[in-house]
Amino acid sequence: MALGLVISTGHAKTIDVDEFTEEVEGRTLAIENKSFPAYAYLNGDGTVEVRSVMGSWQGEWSGIGETLCLYFTTGPAQGETCVSFVRVAEGGYKGSNGTLLRPVERDYRF
């Protein structure tokens, strides 16, 4: 789950982190990116869990304004990465790095 490269999001309005986390906290999110598919779960206590074909790992999340930052000590996205999101017409959220997050009905938490 690499989050970092800024891309143009057209005229879409960037979502405030408080609004974004209110909508996704406690929900499983399918992560669609160029590397590998994965699932993420943002917990209300500031922790994040990720599961993919490459394994599973935990980290921490925090945010201010329109920027959500994730910090992992293990896994393929070690270190801190910050990203902002816009809503997309087909449902879900597009990150400033091109990653697409879609809430899923089924709970994929581990």
N, C-alpha and C. Protein backbone atom coordinates (compact mmCIF):
# COMPACT_ATOMS: atom_id res chain seq x y z
N MET A 1 0.84 -1.17 0.00
CA MET A 1 0.00 0.00 0.00
C MET A 1 0.88 1.23 0.00
N ALA A 2 1.43 1.55 -1.11
CA ALA A 2 2.27 2.74 -1.20
C ALA A 2 1.39 3.95 -1.47
N LEU A 3 1.52 4.96 -0.65
CA LEU A 3 0.71 6.17 -0.79
C LEU A 3 1.65 7.36 -0.86
N GLY A 4 1.70 8.08 -1.99
CA GLY A 4 2.63 9.19 -2.01
C GLY A 4 2.62 10.10 -3.22
N LEU A 5 2.71 9.62 -4.43
CA LEU A 5 2.83 10.43 -5.63
C LEU A 5 1.58 11.25 -5.86
N VAL A 6 1.72 12.57 -6.00
CA VAL A 6 0.56 13.46 -6.17
C VAL A 6 0.15 13.47 -7.64
N ILE A 7 -1.16 13.33 -7.88
CA ILE A 7 -1.70 13.38 -9.24
C ILE A 7 -2.80 14.42 -9.29
N SER A 8 -3.17 14.83 -10.46
CA SER A 8 -4.26 15.78 -10.61
C SER A 8 -5.59 15.06 -10.38
N THR A 9 -6.46 15.68 -9.60
CA THR A 9 -7.78 15.11 -9.36
C THR A 9 -8.86 15.94 -10.02
N GLY A 10 -8.49 16.76 -10.99
CA GLY A 10 -9.47 17.57 -11.72
C GLY A 10 -10.12 18.59 -10.82
N HIS A 11 -11.44 18.71 -10.94
CA HIS A 11 -12.18 19.70 -10.16
C HIS A 11 -12.77 19.13 -8.89
N ALA A 12 -12.47 17.90 -8.56
CA ALA A 12 -13.03 17.28 -7.37
C ALA A 12 -12.49 17.96 -6.11
N LYS A 13 -13.34 18.04 -5.10
CA LYS A 13 -12.97 18.67 -3.84
C LYS A 13 -12.30 17.64 -2.93
N THR A 14 -11.15 18.01 -2.41
CA THR A 14 -10.45 17.14 -1.47
C THR A 14 -11.25 17.06 -0.18
N ILE A 15 -11.37 15.86 0.36
CA ILE A 15 -12.14 15.62 1.57
C ILE A 15 -11.30 15.93 2.80
N ASP A 16 -11.90 16.61 3.76
CA ASP A 16 -11.25 16.86 5.05
C ASP A 16 -11.03 15.52 5.75
N VAL A 17 -9.90 15.35 6.43
CA VAL A 17 -9.57 14.09 7.09
C VAL A 17 -10.63 13.69 8.11
N ASP A 18 -11.17 14.64 8.86
CA ASP A 18 -12.20 14.31 9.85
C ASP A 18 -13.43 13.71 9.16
N GLU A 19 -13.82 14.29 8.04
CA GLU A 19 -14.96 13.77 7.28
C GLU A 19 -14.65 12.39 6.71
N PHE A 20 -13.45 12.24 6.13
CA PHE A 20 -13.04 10.97 5.55
C PHE A 20 -13.02 9.87 6.60
N THR A 21 -12.38 10.12 7.74
CA THR A 21 -12.27 9.08 8.76
C THR A 21 -13.63 8.76 9.37
N GLU A 22 -14.51 9.75 9.48
CA GLU A 22 -15.86 9.49 9.99
C GLU A 22 -16.60 8.51 9.08
N GLU A 23 -16.36 8.62 7.77
CA GLU A 23 -17.03 7.76 6.80
C GLU A 23 -16.41 6.36 6.71
N VAL A 24 -15.11 6.22 6.94
CA VAL A 24 -14.46 4.93 6.71
C VAL A 24 -13.99 4.22 7.98
N GLU A 25 -13.90 4.92 9.08
CA GLU A 25 -13.43 4.31 10.31
C GLU A 25 -14.33 3.14 10.69
N GLY A 26 -13.71 2.00 10.96
CA GLY A 26 -14.46 0.81 11.33
C GLY A 26 -15.05 0.05 10.17
N ARG A 27 -14.70 0.44 8.95
CA ARG A 27 -15.17 -0.26 7.75
C ARG A 27 -13.98 -0.84 7.01
N THR A 28 -14.19 -1.96 6.36
CA THR A 28 -13.16 -2.56 5.54
C THR A 28 -13.12 -1.83 4.19
N LEU A 29 -11.92 -1.49 3.75
CA LEU A 29 -11.72 -0.80 2.48
C LEU A 29 -10.89 -1.67 1.54
N ALA A 30 -11.39 -1.91 0.33
CA ALA A 30 -10.60 -2.57 -0.69
C ALA A 30 -9.66 -1.53 -1.28
N ILE A 31 -8.38 -1.87 -1.37
CA ILE A 31 -7.37 -0.97 -1.91
C ILE A 31 -7.03 -1.44 -3.32
N GLU A 32 -7.25 -0.58 -4.30
CA GLU A 32 -6.91 -0.90 -5.68
C GLU A 32 -5.75 0.00 -6.09
N ASN A 33 -4.61 -0.61 -6.38
CA ASN A 33 -3.44 0.16 -6.81
C ASN A 33 -2.69 -0.62 -7.87
N LYS A 34 -1.57 -0.09 -8.32
CA LYS A 34 -0.79 -0.74 -9.38
C LYS A 34 0.05 -1.89 -8.87
N SER A 35 0.30 -1.95 -7.57
CA SER A 35 1.18 -2.95 -7.01
C SER A 35 0.49 -4.28 -6.76
N PHE A 36 -0.50 -4.29 -5.89
CA PHE A 36 -1.20 -5.52 -5.51
C PHE A 36 -2.49 -5.15 -4.80
N PRO A 37 -3.52 -6.00 -4.90
CA PRO A 37 -4.76 -5.71 -4.18
C PRO A 37 -4.57 -5.94 -2.68
N ALA A 38 -5.30 -5.17 -1.89
CA ALA A 38 -5.20 -5.29 -0.44
C ALA A 38 -6.49 -4.80 0.20
N TYR A 39 -6.60 -5.03 1.49
CA TYR A 39 -7.72 -4.53 2.29
C TYR A 39 -7.16 -3.79 3.49
N ALA A 40 -7.81 -2.69 3.84
CA ALA A 40 -7.38 -1.90 4.99
C ALA A 40 -8.55 -1.70 5.94
N TYR A 41 -8.22 -1.51 7.20
CA TYR A 41 -9.22 -1.27 8.23
C TYR A 41 -8.67 -0.21 9.17
N LEU A 42 -9.27 0.99 9.18
CA LEU A 42 -8.86 2.06 10.08
C LEU A 42 -9.65 1.95 11.38
N ASN A 43 -8.94 1.74 12.47
CA ASN A 43 -9.57 1.65 13.79
C ASN A 43 -9.67 3.03 14.42
N GLY A 44 -10.65 3.20 15.29
CA GLY A 44 -10.87 4.47 15.96
C GLY A 44 -9.76 4.87 16.91
N ASP A 45 -8.92 3.92 17.28
CA ASP A 45 -7.82 4.21 18.22
C ASP A 45 -6.56 4.70 17.52
N GLY A 46 -6.64 4.97 16.20
CA GLY A 46 -5.48 5.47 15.47
C GLY A 46 -4.60 4.38 14.88
N THR A 47 -5.05 3.13 14.92
CA THR A 47 -4.29 2.05 14.30
C THR A 47 -4.94 1.67 12.98
N VAL A 48 -4.14 1.09 12.10
CA VAL A 48 -4.63 0.62 10.81
C VAL A 48 -4.11 -0.80 10.61
N GLU A 49 -4.95 -1.64 10.02
CA GLU A 49 -4.58 -3.01 9.70
C GLU A 49 -4.69 -3.17 8.19
N VAL A 50 -3.73 -3.85 7.59
CA VAL A 50 -3.74 -4.09 6.15
C VAL A 50 -3.48 -5.57 5.90
N ARG A 51 -4.21 -6.13 4.93
CA ARG A 51 -4.02 -7.53 4.55
C ARG A 51 -3.94 -7.60 3.03
N SER A 52 -2.98 -8.37 2.54
CA SER A 52 -2.83 -8.54 1.10
C SER A 52 -2.22 -9.91 0.83
N VAL A 53 -1.96 -10.20 -0.44
CA VAL A 53 -1.29 -11.45 -0.80
C VAL A 53 0.15 -11.47 -0.28
N MET A 54 0.68 -10.29 0.05
CA MET A 54 2.05 -10.19 0.56
C MET A 54 2.11 -10.37 2.07
N GLY A 55 0.96 -10.57 2.71
CA GLY A 55 0.93 -10.74 4.15
C GLY A 55 0.03 -9.70 4.79
N SER A 56 0.18 -9.57 6.09
CA SER A 56 -0.61 -8.58 6.80
C SER A 56 0.29 -7.83 7.75
N TRP A 57 -0.08 -6.59 8.04
CA TRP A 57 0.72 -5.76 8.92
C TRP A 57 -0.16 -4.69 9.54
N GLN A 58 0.34 -4.12 10.61
CA GLN A 58 -0.37 -3.07 11.32
C GLN A 58 0.47 -1.80 11.33
N GLY A 59 -0.20 -0.69 11.52
CA GLY A 59 0.48 0.59 11.59
C GLY A 59 -0.38 1.58 12.34
N GLU A 60 -0.07 2.84 12.16
CA GLU A 60 -0.81 3.91 12.81
C GLU A 60 -1.24 4.92 11.75
N TRP A 61 -2.35 5.60 12.02
CA TRP A 61 -2.80 6.65 11.13
C TRP A 61 -3.09 7.91 11.95
N SER A 62 -2.93 9.04 11.29
CA SER A 62 -3.29 10.32 11.89
C SER A 62 -3.56 11.28 10.74
N GLY A 63 -4.18 12.38 11.03
CA GLY A 63 -4.45 13.32 9.97
C GLY A 63 -4.73 14.70 10.50
N ILE A 64 -4.54 15.65 9.60
CA ILE A 64 -4.87 17.04 9.91
C ILE A 64 -5.26 17.71 8.60
N GLY A 65 -6.29 18.53 8.66
CA GLY A 65 -6.74 19.21 7.45
C GLY A 65 -7.21 18.22 6.41
N GLU A 66 -6.58 18.22 5.25
CA GLU A 66 -6.96 17.33 4.15
C GLU A 66 -5.93 16.22 3.93
N THR A 67 -5.06 15.98 4.90
CA THR A 67 -3.99 15.00 4.74
C THR A 67 -4.08 13.89 5.77
N LEU A 68 -4.14 12.66 5.29
CA LEU A 68 -4.12 11.47 6.13
C LEU A 68 -2.74 10.85 6.02
N CYS A 69 -2.10 10.58 7.15
CA CYS A 69 -0.77 9.98 7.15
C CYS A 69 -0.84 8.59 7.77
N LEU A 70 -0.14 7.66 7.15
CA LEU A 70 -0.03 6.29 7.63
C LEU A 70 1.43 6.01 7.94
N TYR A 71 1.66 5.28 9.03
CA TYR A 71 3.03 4.93 9.41
C TYR A 71 3.10 3.44 9.68
N PHE A 72 3.97 2.74 8.94
CA PHE A 72 4.17 1.30 9.11
C PHE A 72 5.62 1.01 9.44
N THR A 73 5.84 0.11 10.39
CA THR A 73 7.20 -0.33 10.72
C THR A 73 7.54 -1.64 10.01
N THR A 74 6.53 -2.29 9.41
CA THR A 74 6.74 -3.53 8.67
C THR A 74 5.94 -3.46 7.38
N GLY A 75 6.11 -4.46 6.51
CA GLY A 75 5.35 -4.54 5.28
C GLY A 75 6.01 -3.77 4.15
N PRO A 76 5.38 -3.81 2.96
CA PRO A 76 5.97 -3.20 1.77
C PRO A 76 5.93 -1.67 1.77
N ALA A 77 5.17 -1.05 2.66
CA ALA A 77 5.07 0.41 2.68
C ALA A 77 5.63 0.96 3.99
N GLN A 78 6.81 0.48 4.38
CA GLN A 78 7.42 0.92 5.63
C GLN A 78 7.68 2.41 5.61
N GLY A 79 7.52 3.02 6.79
CA GLY A 79 7.74 4.45 6.93
C GLY A 79 6.43 5.20 6.87
N GLU A 80 6.53 6.52 6.81
CA GLU A 80 5.34 7.37 6.79
C GLU A 80 5.01 7.80 5.38
N THR A 81 3.73 7.73 5.05
CA THR A 81 3.23 8.19 3.77
C THR A 81 1.97 9.00 4.01
N CYS A 82 1.86 10.14 3.37
CA CYS A 82 0.70 11.01 3.55
C CYS A 82 -0.02 11.18 2.22
N VAL A 83 -1.34 11.24 2.28
CA VAL A 83 -2.16 11.30 1.08
C VAL A 83 -3.45 12.07 1.38
N SER A 84 -4.05 12.65 0.35
CA SER A 84 -5.36 13.28 0.48
C SER A 84 -6.32 12.53 -0.45
N PHE A 85 -7.63 12.68 -0.21
CA PHE A 85 -8.62 11.92 -0.96
C PHE A 85 -9.73 12.80 -1.51
N VAL A 86 -10.29 12.37 -2.64
CA VAL A 86 -11.50 12.94 -3.20
C VAL A 86 -12.49 11.79 -3.40
N ARG A 87 -13.79 12.11 -3.37
CA ARG A 87 -14.80 11.11 -3.68
C ARG A 87 -14.81 10.89 -5.19
N VAL A 88 -15.08 9.66 -5.58
CA VAL A 88 -15.19 9.35 -7.01
C VAL A 88 -16.61 8.91 -7.33
N ALA A 89 -17.04 9.20 -8.56
CA ALA A 89 -18.42 8.96 -8.98
C ALA A 89 -18.81 7.49 -8.85
N GLU A 90 -17.89 6.59 -9.11
CA GLU A 90 -18.21 5.17 -9.07
C GLU A 90 -18.19 4.60 -7.64
N GLY A 91 -18.08 5.46 -6.66
CA GLY A 91 -18.08 5.02 -5.26
C GLY A 91 -16.67 4.88 -4.74
N GLY A 92 -16.47 5.25 -3.53
CA GLY A 92 -15.15 5.15 -2.94
C GLY A 92 -14.41 6.46 -2.97
N TYR A 93 -13.09 6.36 -2.86
CA TYR A 93 -12.23 7.52 -2.71
C TYR A 93 -10.96 7.31 -3.53
N LYS A 94 -10.51 8.37 -4.18
CA LYS A 94 -9.26 8.30 -4.93
C LYS A 94 -8.21 9.12 -4.19
N GLY A 95 -7.07 8.49 -3.94
CA GLY A 95 -5.98 9.16 -3.25
C GLY A 95 -5.16 10.01 -4.18
N SER A 96 -4.45 10.97 -3.61
CA SER A 96 -3.59 11.85 -4.41
C SER A 96 -2.47 11.08 -5.09
N ASN A 97 -2.29 9.81 -4.72
CA ASN A 97 -1.29 8.95 -5.34
C ASN A 97 -1.89 8.02 -6.39
N GLY A 98 -3.20 8.13 -6.63
CA GLY A 98 -3.86 7.29 -7.63
C GLY A 98 -4.50 6.04 -7.05
N THR A 99 -4.24 5.72 -5.80
CA THR A 99 -4.84 4.55 -5.16
C THR A 99 -6.34 4.78 -4.99
N LEU A 100 -7.11 3.75 -5.29
CA LEU A 100 -8.56 3.82 -5.13
C LEU A 100 -8.97 2.98 -3.92
N LEU A 101 -9.75 3.56 -3.02
CA LEU A 101 -10.29 2.86 -1.85
C LEU A 101 -11.78 2.73 -2.03
N ARG A 102 -12.29 1.51 -1.84
CA ARG A 102 -13.73 1.27 -1.94
C ARG A 102 -14.20 0.53 -0.70
N PRO A 103 -15.18 1.10 0.01
CA PRO A 103 -15.75 0.36 1.15
C PRO A 103 -16.39 -0.94 0.64
N VAL A 104 -16.20 -2.02 1.38
CA VAL A 104 -16.79 -3.31 1.01
C VAL A 104 -17.74 -3.75 2.13
N GLU A 105 -18.76 -4.48 1.75
CA GLU A 105 -19.76 -4.94 2.72
C GLU A 105 -19.21 -6.02 3.65
N ARG A 106 -18.44 -6.91 3.07
CA ARG A 106 -17.91 -8.03 3.85
C ARG A 106 -16.75 -7.57 4.72
N ASP A 107 -16.69 -8.05 5.94
CA ASP A 107 -15.62 -7.68 6.85
C ASP A 107 -14.40 -8.55 6.60
N TYR A 108 -13.33 -7.94 6.07
CA TYR A 108 -12.11 -8.68 5.77
C TYR A 108 -11.04 -8.51 6.85
N ARG A 109 -11.45 -8.02 8.01
CA ARG A 109 -10.47 -7.86 9.10
C ARG A 109 -9.87 -9.20 9.45
N PHE A 110 -8.69 -9.19 9.97
CA PHE A 110 -8.03 -10.42 10.34
C PHE A 110 -8.04 -10.62 11.81
